[in-house]
Amino acid sequence: MNALEALGIDTGWQQAAHGQPLGRVVQVDRGECEVVTSQSMIRASSDSQRAQDSVAPVTGDWVTIGTDLNQNPILEKVLKRRTLLVRRDPAEHAQPQALVANADVVGVVCSLDRRLNPAQLERFCVVGWQSGAEVAVILTKADLCQNPHKQIRQATKLAPGAPVLLTAALKGEGLQQVQQLLKPNRTLALLGPSGVGKSTLINTLTGEPTQAVAQVRASDSKGRHTTIARRLIPIPHAGSIVDTPGIRAVGPWDAWEGLAAAYAEIDALDGKCRFAENCWHQGEPDCAVRDNVDPARLKRYLALANELADQDLARTRHHKP
C-alpha cells in the first residue's frame, strides 16, 4: 500500500485527475502546502496567481500537481470536493471559512472531565452534518468520569442519528471503535474545543507523539491551544485523522440542512403543526414541535434558526445591486 492508498485514493479521484500527478493536502501554510504524493511528501506553492485554480486549498483536499518555470512544484487544481467542513469566519462578517475537505466522518469530541455543554455539542453537530459527512460523537477521558454511561445517554439525545463512542485514550479504551470509523481508509475530522483530548487520542492511535499535548487547568478543565494548524495524519492499518485547533464557539454557515439533521426530531414534527407552512414553534396554537420537544432544546434550535436567517438576510443585502 502506497501513501495515497493509505489516505483513501480511489478510482473516482484518479479519474478526476485526468492523468495528472495526484496528491492530497496534509497541511496548508502561508503560500505553500504539504502534499502527499504516491512517491513522497512535497511542499508545493499554493499561490493562486501562480497556480491554475482559483479555489484555495484546505487540509484534506485532493489536488493535481504541476511545476513552475523553475521546476518547483505547484498546485494546479483542487479537485471537486465530496464533503467540506465550513464555519462562519469569526474574523469576518457574513463570510465562510473552510476547515477540512473530503472528510468521511466528522468526530465531535467532548471530554468527560467536565459537564457536557448541550449548546456547544449541538452546534458542532450542525456544522458536521452540513459538511455532507457522517457525524459521530467521541466522548474522551471516560476514566475521569464517575458515571460515563449517563453522559452517553445525554449525548445520544443531543445528537440523534450519530453514534456515540466512549474512550479513555491513555488507558487504551474505546480505540477500536474509533478505528472502525476509519476503515476502509476513510478520513475522520476531529472537531471540538481545546483540552478535550483530540491530540492525545491521535497520539495513542498512531503509537507515537505525533501531536503536542498540554494539561488542562484544574480549576475549570479548560485547555490551551496545542494544535496550531489543521493537519491530516495517517493511522497505521486504518485511514487518516485531521486534527484541528480547538474551537470554543463555532458559528454554522448556510447550514439549514445541517440544522435539520442535528435536530431530526424537530424536523420530523415540523409539518404536523396546525400552521405547518409558517409555524415558528413559539406562540402558535397546536404546535406539534413545542408540545413534544424539550423546551431547552427547542430554544437552542430556534436560536440557531434565527442566526441562520440573519445570515441569509445579511448576504441578500450585501449582494443587492
Protein backbone atom coordinates (compact mmCIF):
# COMPACT_ATOMS: atom_id res chain seq x y z
CA MET A 1 0.00 0.00 0.00
CA ASN A 2 1.46 3.37 -1.02
CA ALA A 3 0.91 6.62 0.85
CA LEU A 4 -2.07 7.73 -1.25
CA GLU A 5 -3.83 4.40 -0.84
CA ALA A 6 -3.50 4.80 2.91
CA LEU A 7 -5.11 8.25 2.59
CA GLY A 8 -8.11 6.93 0.67
CA ILE A 9 -7.34 7.33 -3.02
CA ASP A 10 -9.88 5.58 -5.26
CA THR A 11 -10.80 5.37 -8.92
CA GLY A 12 -13.00 8.45 -8.62
CA TRP A 13 -10.09 10.67 -7.59
CA GLN A 14 -7.82 9.10 -10.21
CA GLN A 15 -10.34 9.72 -12.97
CA ALA A 16 -10.88 13.32 -11.82
CA ALA A 17 -7.13 13.96 -12.13
CA HIS A 18 -7.23 13.10 -15.88
CA GLY A 19 -3.80 11.52 -15.80
CA GLN A 20 -2.11 14.40 -13.96
CA PRO A 21 0.08 13.75 -10.89
CA LEU A 22 -2.23 13.47 -7.89
CA GLY A 23 -1.71 14.32 -4.23
CA ARG A 24 -3.57 15.03 -1.01
CA VAL A 25 -3.05 18.16 1.07
CA VAL A 26 -1.74 17.37 4.55
CA GLN A 27 -1.37 20.91 5.85
CA VAL A 28 -1.77 24.44 4.50
CA ASP A 29 0.80 27.11 5.34
CA ARG A 30 1.20 30.63 4.00
CA GLY A 31 1.53 30.29 0.25
CA GLU A 32 2.56 26.63 0.44
CA CYS A 33 1.06 23.25 1.21
CA GLU A 34 2.46 19.97 2.40
CA VAL A 35 1.17 17.38 -0.06
CA VAL A 36 1.45 13.60 -0.06
CA THR A 37 2.01 12.06 -3.49
CA SER A 38 2.45 8.42 -4.46
CA GLN A 39 6.22 8.83 -4.12
CA SER A 40 6.82 11.23 -1.23
CA MET A 41 5.80 14.27 0.77
CA ILE A 42 6.40 17.54 -1.07
CA ARG A 43 5.92 21.24 -0.45
CA ALA A 44 4.03 22.91 -3.27
CA SER A 45 3.18 26.54 -3.88
CA SER A 46 -0.50 27.34 -3.49
CA ASP A 47 -0.30 30.95 -4.63
CA SER A 48 -3.48 31.45 -6.66
CA GLN A 49 -1.67 33.77 -9.09
CA ARG A 50 0.84 31.05 -9.96
CA ALA A 51 -1.46 28.04 -9.78
CA GLN A 52 -4.16 27.45 -12.36
CA ASP A 53 -7.04 27.11 -9.91
CA SER A 54 -8.84 29.88 -8.01
CA VAL A 55 -10.09 27.61 -5.19
CA ALA A 56 -7.92 28.00 -2.11
CA PRO A 57 -6.78 24.57 -0.89
CA VAL A 58 -7.54 23.32 2.61
CA THR A 59 -6.38 20.31 4.57
CA GLY A 60 -7.81 17.12 3.07
CA ASP A 61 -8.10 18.40 -0.50
CA TRP A 62 -7.13 16.16 -3.41
CA VAL A 63 -5.08 18.18 -5.89
CA THR A 64 -3.17 17.81 -9.13
CA ILE A 65 0.49 18.79 -9.10
CA GLY A 66 2.44 20.70 -11.74
CA THR A 67 5.66 22.69 -11.90
CA ASP A 68 6.50 26.34 -12.44
CA LEU A 69 9.16 27.73 -14.81
CA ASN A 70 11.86 26.82 -12.29
CA GLN A 71 10.55 23.25 -11.99
CA ASN A 72 9.27 23.86 -8.48
CA PRO A 73 6.03 22.01 -7.61
CA ILE A 74 2.78 23.98 -7.60
CA LEU A 75 -0.85 23.07 -7.02
CA GLU A 76 -2.54 23.10 -10.41
CA LYS A 77 -6.09 22.26 -9.43
CA VAL A 78 -8.18 21.46 -6.39
CA LEU A 79 -10.41 18.53 -7.33
CA LYS A 80 -14.13 18.78 -6.70
CA ARG A 81 -14.74 18.15 -3.03
CA ARG A 82 -17.03 15.39 -1.82
CA THR A 83 -17.53 17.00 1.59
CA LEU A 84 -16.49 20.33 3.07
CA LEU A 85 -16.44 21.29 6.73
CA VAL A 86 -17.22 25.02 6.94
CA ARG A 87 -17.90 27.50 9.73
CA ARG A 88 -18.71 31.19 9.79
CA ASP A 89 -15.41 33.05 9.77
CA PRO A 90 -15.06 34.54 13.27
CA ALA A 91 -12.92 37.38 11.90
CA GLU A 92 -15.31 38.45 9.14
CA HIS A 93 -18.94 39.49 8.77
CA ALA A 94 -21.06 37.02 6.80
CA GLN A 95 -18.15 35.08 5.33
CA PRO A 96 -17.50 31.31 5.34
CA GLN A 97 -14.24 29.69 6.43
CA ALA A 98 -13.43 26.26 5.00
CA LEU A 99 -11.80 23.98 7.59
CA VAL A 100 -11.41 20.46 6.16
CA ALA A 101 -12.21 18.88 2.79
CA ASN A 102 -13.20 15.32 1.95
CA ALA A 103 -13.74 14.01 5.47
CA ASP A 104 -15.88 10.89 5.56
CA VAL A 105 -16.76 11.37 9.23
CA VAL A 106 -16.77 14.42 11.49
CA GLY A 107 -15.97 13.41 15.05
CA VAL A 108 -17.41 15.86 17.58
CA VAL A 109 -15.12 15.45 20.57
CA CYS A 110 -16.32 16.10 24.13
CA SER A 111 -14.35 15.48 27.31
CA LEU A 112 -15.92 13.80 30.33
CA ASP A 113 -13.69 15.64 32.79
CA ARG A 114 -16.25 18.44 32.50
CA ARG A 115 -20.01 18.70 32.04
CA LEU A 116 -21.38 18.24 28.55
CA ASN A 117 -22.34 21.56 27.02
CA PRO A 118 -25.59 20.90 25.09
CA ALA A 119 -25.48 24.09 23.01
CA GLN A 120 -21.85 23.54 22.04
CA LEU A 121 -22.37 19.88 21.15
CA GLU A 122 -25.43 20.64 19.04
CA ARG A 123 -23.65 23.47 17.20
CA PHE A 124 -20.74 21.21 16.32
CA CYS A 125 -23.20 18.58 15.06
CA VAL A 126 -24.96 21.15 12.85
CA VAL A 127 -21.63 22.08 11.27
CA GLY A 128 -20.68 18.41 10.94
CA TRP A 129 -23.90 17.32 9.25
CA GLN A 130 -23.83 20.32 6.91
CA SER A 131 -20.44 19.19 5.57
CA GLY A 132 -22.04 16.18 3.89
CA ALA A 133 -20.02 13.75 6.01
CA GLU A 134 -21.27 11.35 8.65
CA VAL A 135 -21.18 12.56 12.25
CA ALA A 136 -20.02 10.70 15.36
CA VAL A 137 -19.72 11.93 18.93
CA ILE A 138 -16.49 10.87 20.66
CA LEU A 139 -16.51 11.11 24.45
CA THR A 140 -12.96 11.21 25.81
CA LYS A 141 -11.42 10.87 29.29
CA ALA A 142 -14.06 8.37 30.39
CA ASP A 143 -11.72 7.30 33.20
CA LEU A 144 -12.19 10.73 34.79
CA CYS A 145 -15.99 10.45 34.94
CA GLN A 146 -17.91 8.68 37.71
CA ASN A 147 -20.92 7.84 35.54
CA PRO A 148 -19.90 7.83 31.86
CA HIS A 149 -22.97 5.88 30.76
CA LYS A 150 -25.18 8.74 31.95
CA GLN A 151 -23.15 11.02 29.67
CA ILE A 152 -23.62 8.58 26.78
CA ARG A 153 -27.39 8.77 27.24
CA GLN A 154 -27.30 12.56 27.31
CA ALA A 155 -25.08 12.79 24.22
CA THR A 156 -27.33 10.34 22.35
CA LYS A 157 -30.32 12.61 22.99
CA LEU A 158 -28.39 15.69 21.92
CA ALA A 159 -27.06 14.10 18.71
CA PRO A 160 -29.79 11.88 17.23
CA GLY A 161 -28.55 9.68 14.42
CA ALA A 162 -24.90 9.92 15.43
CA PRO A 163 -23.08 7.03 17.08
CA VAL A 164 -21.64 7.91 20.50
CA LEU A 165 -18.21 6.45 21.28
CA LEU A 166 -16.73 6.22 24.77
CA THR A 167 -12.93 6.42 25.01
CA ALA A 168 -10.13 6.70 27.55
CA ALA A 169 -7.09 7.07 25.30
CA LEU A 170 -4.38 6.90 27.97
CA LYS A 171 -5.81 3.58 29.12
CA GLY A 172 -6.31 2.30 25.57
CA GLU A 173 -10.08 2.04 25.98
CA GLY A 174 -12.52 2.59 23.11
CA LEU A 175 -9.82 2.92 20.45
CA GLN A 176 -11.15 0.02 18.39
CA GLN A 177 -14.45 1.88 17.95
CA VAL A 178 -12.61 4.90 16.61
CA GLN A 179 -10.55 2.73 14.26
CA GLN A 180 -13.76 1.24 12.88
CA LEU A 181 -14.79 4.75 11.75
CA LEU A 182 -11.61 4.89 9.67
CA LYS A 183 -11.95 1.66 7.74
CA PRO A 184 -11.54 1.15 4.86
CA ASN A 185 -9.07 4.04 4.65
CA ARG A 186 -11.56 6.76 5.46
CA THR A 187 -10.85 10.23 6.89
CA LEU A 188 -12.08 11.36 10.27
CA ALA A 189 -12.01 15.11 11.07
CA LEU A 190 -11.96 15.87 14.79
CA LEU A 191 -13.86 18.94 15.94
CA GLY A 192 -14.05 20.30 19.47
CA PRO A 193 -12.72 22.83 21.97
CA SER A 194 -9.19 22.88 23.37
CA GLY A 195 -8.27 20.40 26.06
CA VAL A 196 -10.79 17.68 25.20
CA GLY A 197 -8.09 15.18 24.20
CA LYS A 198 -8.07 15.26 20.40
CA SER A 199 -4.27 15.21 20.15
CA THR A 200 -3.92 12.57 22.88
CA LEU A 201 -6.37 10.35 21.02
CA ILE A 202 -4.38 10.72 17.80
CA ASN A 203 -1.06 10.01 19.53
CA THR A 204 -2.49 6.83 21.03
CA LEU A 205 -3.86 5.67 17.67
CA THR A 206 -0.59 6.33 15.84
CA GLY A 207 1.55 4.90 18.63
CA GLU A 208 3.87 7.91 18.68
CA PRO A 209 3.81 11.54 19.85
CA THR A 210 2.60 12.97 16.55
CA GLN A 211 0.74 15.90 18.11
CA ALA A 212 1.74 18.13 21.01
CA VAL A 213 -0.43 17.87 24.13
CA ALA A 214 -0.82 20.04 27.21
CA GLN A 215 -2.51 19.76 30.58
CA VAL A 216 -5.85 21.45 31.19
CA ARG A 217 -6.48 23.90 34.01
CA ALA A 218 -7.59 22.13 37.18
CA SER A 219 -9.98 24.97 38.04
CA ASP A 220 -12.26 24.63 35.03
CA SER A 221 -10.87 21.72 32.94
CA LYS A 222 -10.18 24.06 30.02
CA GLY A 223 -7.12 23.62 27.85
CA ARG A 224 -4.96 25.86 25.74
CA HIS A 225 -4.34 25.52 22.03
CA THR A 226 -1.65 22.88 21.40
CA THR A 227 -2.69 22.18 17.80
CA ILE A 228 -2.00 25.32 15.76
CA ALA A 229 -2.84 24.06 12.25
CA ARG A 230 -5.23 21.58 10.71
CA ARG A 231 -3.18 18.51 9.79
CA LEU A 232 -4.01 15.21 8.08
CA ILE A 233 -2.39 12.29 9.89
CA PRO A 234 -2.36 8.67 8.65
CA ILE A 235 -3.29 6.00 11.18
CA PRO A 236 -1.43 2.66 10.89
CA HIS A 237 -3.61 -0.10 9.37
CA ALA A 238 -6.61 2.27 9.18
CA GLY A 239 -7.39 5.58 7.47
CA SER A 240 -6.47 9.12 8.45
CA ILE A 241 -7.44 11.74 11.01
CA VAL A 242 -7.48 15.51 10.73
CA ASP A 243 -6.54 17.20 13.99
CA THR A 244 -7.94 20.72 14.24
CA PRO A 245 -7.15 23.59 16.62
CA GLY A 246 -9.61 23.85 19.48
CA ILE A 247 -12.77 25.84 18.77
CA ARG A 248 -14.65 27.12 21.80
CA ALA A 249 -17.56 28.56 19.83
CA VAL A 250 -18.45 27.54 16.30
CA GLY A 251 -20.74 29.52 14.03
CA PRO A 252 -22.61 27.50 11.40
CA TRP A 253 -22.64 28.83 7.86
CA ASP A 254 -25.58 28.39 5.46
CA ALA A 255 -26.38 25.26 7.46
CA TRP A 256 -30.12 24.68 7.09
CA GLU A 257 -29.60 21.05 6.06
CA GLY A 258 -27.22 20.54 8.96
CA LEU A 259 -29.75 22.11 11.33
CA ALA A 260 -32.47 19.73 10.13
CA ALA A 261 -30.16 16.73 10.57
CA ALA A 262 -28.89 17.75 14.01
CA TYR A 263 -32.44 18.34 15.26
CA ALA A 264 -34.00 15.43 13.38
CA GLU A 265 -36.94 15.02 15.77
CA ILE A 266 -37.90 18.68 15.31
CA ASP A 267 -37.61 18.39 11.55
CA ALA A 268 -39.85 15.29 11.61
CA LEU A 269 -42.54 17.13 13.60
CA ASP A 270 -42.28 20.39 11.65
CA GLY A 271 -45.07 19.60 9.17
CA LYS A 272 -47.51 18.42 11.84
CA CYS A 273 -48.20 21.84 13.33
CA ARG A 274 -51.57 23.48 12.64
CA PHE A 275 -49.76 26.20 10.69
CA ALA A 276 -47.31 23.86 9.01
CA GLU A 277 -46.20 26.36 6.38
CA ASN A 278 -45.07 29.14 8.71
CA CYS A 279 -45.04 27.89 12.30
CA TRP A 280 -42.02 29.14 14.28
CA HIS A 281 -42.86 26.87 17.23
CA GLN A 282 -43.18 29.69 19.71
CA GLY A 283 -46.66 31.05 20.43
CA GLU A 284 -48.71 29.41 17.67
CA PRO A 285 -51.62 27.16 18.76
CA ASP A 286 -51.49 23.38 18.23
CA CYS A 287 -47.73 23.38 17.64
CA ALA A 288 -46.58 19.76 17.44
CA VAL A 289 -42.96 20.73 17.98
CA ARG A 290 -43.50 22.80 21.11
CA ASP A 291 -45.77 20.10 22.59
CA ASN A 292 -43.30 17.25 22.06
CA VAL A 293 -39.76 18.65 22.28
CA ASP A 294 -37.74 19.52 25.38
CA PRO A 295 -38.16 23.30 25.84
CA ALA A 296 -34.44 23.94 26.38
CA ARG A 297 -33.52 22.04 23.21
CA LEU A 298 -36.23 23.85 21.24
CA LYS A 299 -34.89 27.19 22.49
CA ARG A 300 -31.39 26.32 21.24
CA TYR A 301 -32.83 25.20 17.90
CA LEU A 302 -34.72 28.47 17.45
CA ALA A 303 -31.61 30.48 18.34
CA LEU A 304 -29.66 28.68 15.62
CA ALA A 305 -32.51 29.08 13.11
CA ASN A 306 -32.64 32.83 13.81
CA GLU A 307 -28.85 33.02 13.41
CA LEU A 308 -29.03 31.35 10.01
CA ALA A 309 -31.95 33.55 8.94
CA ASP A 310 -29.94 36.65 9.90
CA GLN A 311 -27.04 35.34 7.80
CA ASP A 312 -29.33 34.88 4.80
CA LEU A 313 -30.63 38.42 5.20
CA ALA A 314 -27.10 39.85 5.52
CA ARG A 315 -25.96 38.06 2.36
CA THR A 316 -29.01 39.30 0.45
CA ARG A 317 -28.27 42.88 1.48
CA HIS A 318 -24.59 42.52 0.64
CA HIS A 319 -25.31 41.27 -2.90
CA LYS A 320 -28.15 43.69 -3.62
CA PRO A 321 -27.21 45.96 -6.58
